[in-house]
Amino acid sequence: MSNKSNTTSNLREPKVYQIKIKGYLGSQWSDWFDGLTITPDEEGNTLLTGPVIDDAALHGLLKKVRDLGMPLISFNQIESGVEDRLEESNNEENTSGEWHNE
């Protein structure tokens, strides 16, 4: 029996990315960033974390960061279980709707 169908379905699963941008971005921006989780870090930056369906969608997200004028610090593909752990560890709810670029 072949595992070809399992391999094909794994290739189509979204990859989880974490995008780090300089400055503070409120959680209400999540919809604009295609539902990514928005988390402030201890250094005053913002982490956007979540599944990204393909490279075109990733480029679209990076373009949105550029359009906001917020400097991109990094973006990395992470293990899919990491997103859940990051969301659980985020005890602060950011609802101000503002972003601050220091």
Protein backbone atom coordinates (compact mmCIF):
# COMPACT_ATOMS: atom_id res chain seq x y z
CA MET A 1 0.00 0.00 0.00
CA SER A 2 1.34 3.43 -0.94
CA ASN A 3 1.67 6.46 1.35
CA LYS A 4 1.50 8.77 -1.65
CA SER A 5 -1.86 10.31 -0.61
CA ASN A 6 -0.52 11.04 2.91
CA THR A 7 2.52 12.76 1.46
CA THR A 8 0.38 14.86 -0.87
CA SER A 9 -1.98 15.94 1.91
CA ASN A 10 0.96 16.88 4.15
CA LEU A 11 2.31 19.16 1.41
CA ARG A 12 -0.99 21.05 1.31
CA GLU A 13 -1.25 21.64 5.05
CA PRO A 14 -0.64 25.24 6.07
CA LYS A 15 2.71 25.98 7.64
CA VAL A 16 2.81 27.93 10.88
CA TYR A 17 4.84 31.13 10.82
CA GLN A 18 5.85 33.71 13.39
CA ILE A 19 6.41 37.23 12.08
CA LYS A 20 8.13 39.69 14.41
CA ILE A 21 7.61 43.39 13.78
CA LYS A 22 9.01 46.42 15.59
CA GLY A 23 6.42 48.28 17.62
CA TYR A 24 3.09 47.56 19.22
CA LEU A 25 0.06 46.35 17.26
CA GLY A 26 -3.38 45.86 18.84
CA SER A 27 -5.17 42.50 18.69
CA GLN A 28 -8.05 43.91 16.61
CA TRP A 29 -5.66 43.84 13.64
CA SER A 30 -5.90 40.03 13.66
CA ASP A 31 -8.61 39.93 10.97
CA TRP A 32 -6.56 42.17 8.69
CA PHE A 33 -3.65 39.76 9.16
CA ASP A 34 -5.80 36.79 8.08
CA GLY A 35 -6.58 35.65 11.63
CA LEU A 36 -3.01 35.43 12.91
CA THR A 37 -2.60 35.65 16.68
CA ILE A 38 -1.14 39.01 17.73
CA THR A 39 1.05 38.96 20.83
CA PRO A 40 3.18 41.76 22.28
CA ASP A 41 6.61 40.65 23.46
CA GLU A 42 8.61 41.91 26.43
CA GLU A 43 10.77 44.10 24.18
CA GLY A 44 7.86 46.20 22.88
CA ASN A 45 7.60 44.33 19.59
CA THR A 46 4.68 42.38 18.14
CA LEU A 47 4.55 38.70 17.17
CA LEU A 48 2.09 37.57 14.49
CA THR A 49 1.68 33.80 14.71
CA GLY A 50 -0.46 31.33 12.83
CA PRO A 51 -0.99 29.09 9.84
CA VAL A 52 -0.16 30.38 6.37
CA ILE A 53 -1.61 28.39 3.48
CA ASP A 54 1.21 28.95 0.95
CA ASP A 55 4.09 31.19 -0.11
CA ALA A 56 1.76 33.64 -1.86
CA ALA A 57 -0.19 34.13 1.38
CA LEU A 58 3.08 34.66 3.27
CA HIS A 59 4.15 37.31 0.77
CA GLY A 60 0.75 38.97 1.18
CA LEU A 61 1.19 39.13 4.97
CA LEU A 62 4.68 40.59 4.61
CA LYS A 63 3.29 43.18 2.19
CA LYS A 64 0.71 44.20 4.82
CA VAL A 65 3.49 44.68 7.37
CA ARG A 66 5.30 46.87 4.86
CA ASP A 67 2.15 48.84 4.09
CA LEU A 68 1.71 49.64 7.80
CA GLY A 69 5.21 51.10 7.85
CA MET A 70 6.25 48.85 10.73
CA PRO A 71 9.79 47.48 10.41
CA LEU A 72 10.02 43.72 9.92
CA ILE A 73 12.42 42.17 12.43
CA SER A 74 12.10 38.52 11.41
CA PHE A 75 9.83 35.76 10.18
CA ASN A 76 10.26 32.07 10.82
CA GLN A 77 8.43 28.86 10.15
CA ILE A 78 7.69 27.16 13.47
CA GLU A 79 6.33 23.79 14.54
CA SER A 80 2.53 23.71 14.41
CA GLY A 81 2.14 22.86 18.13
CA VAL A 82 4.16 25.93 19.13
CA GLU A 83 1.30 28.27 18.16
CA ASP A 84 -1.03 26.72 20.75
CA ARG A 85 1.61 26.95 23.48
CA LEU A 86 2.30 30.60 22.62
CA GLU A 87 -1.39 31.47 22.76
CA GLU A 88 -1.81 29.74 26.13
CA SER A 89 1.18 31.56 27.62
CA ASN A 90 -0.15 34.98 26.54
CA ASN A 91 -2.03 36.22 29.61
CA GLU A 92 -2.35 39.84 28.51
CA GLU A 93 -5.14 40.86 26.15
CA ASN A 94 -4.18 43.72 23.83
CA THR A 95 -7.30 45.63 22.79
CA SER A 96 -6.24 49.24 22.38
CA GLY A 97 -6.27 49.23 18.57
CA GLU A 98 -3.14 51.30 18.31
CA TRP A 99 0.37 50.53 17.26
CA HIS A 100 3.47 52.25 18.50
CA ASN A 101 6.74 52.28 16.64
CA GLU A 102 9.53 53.29 18.98
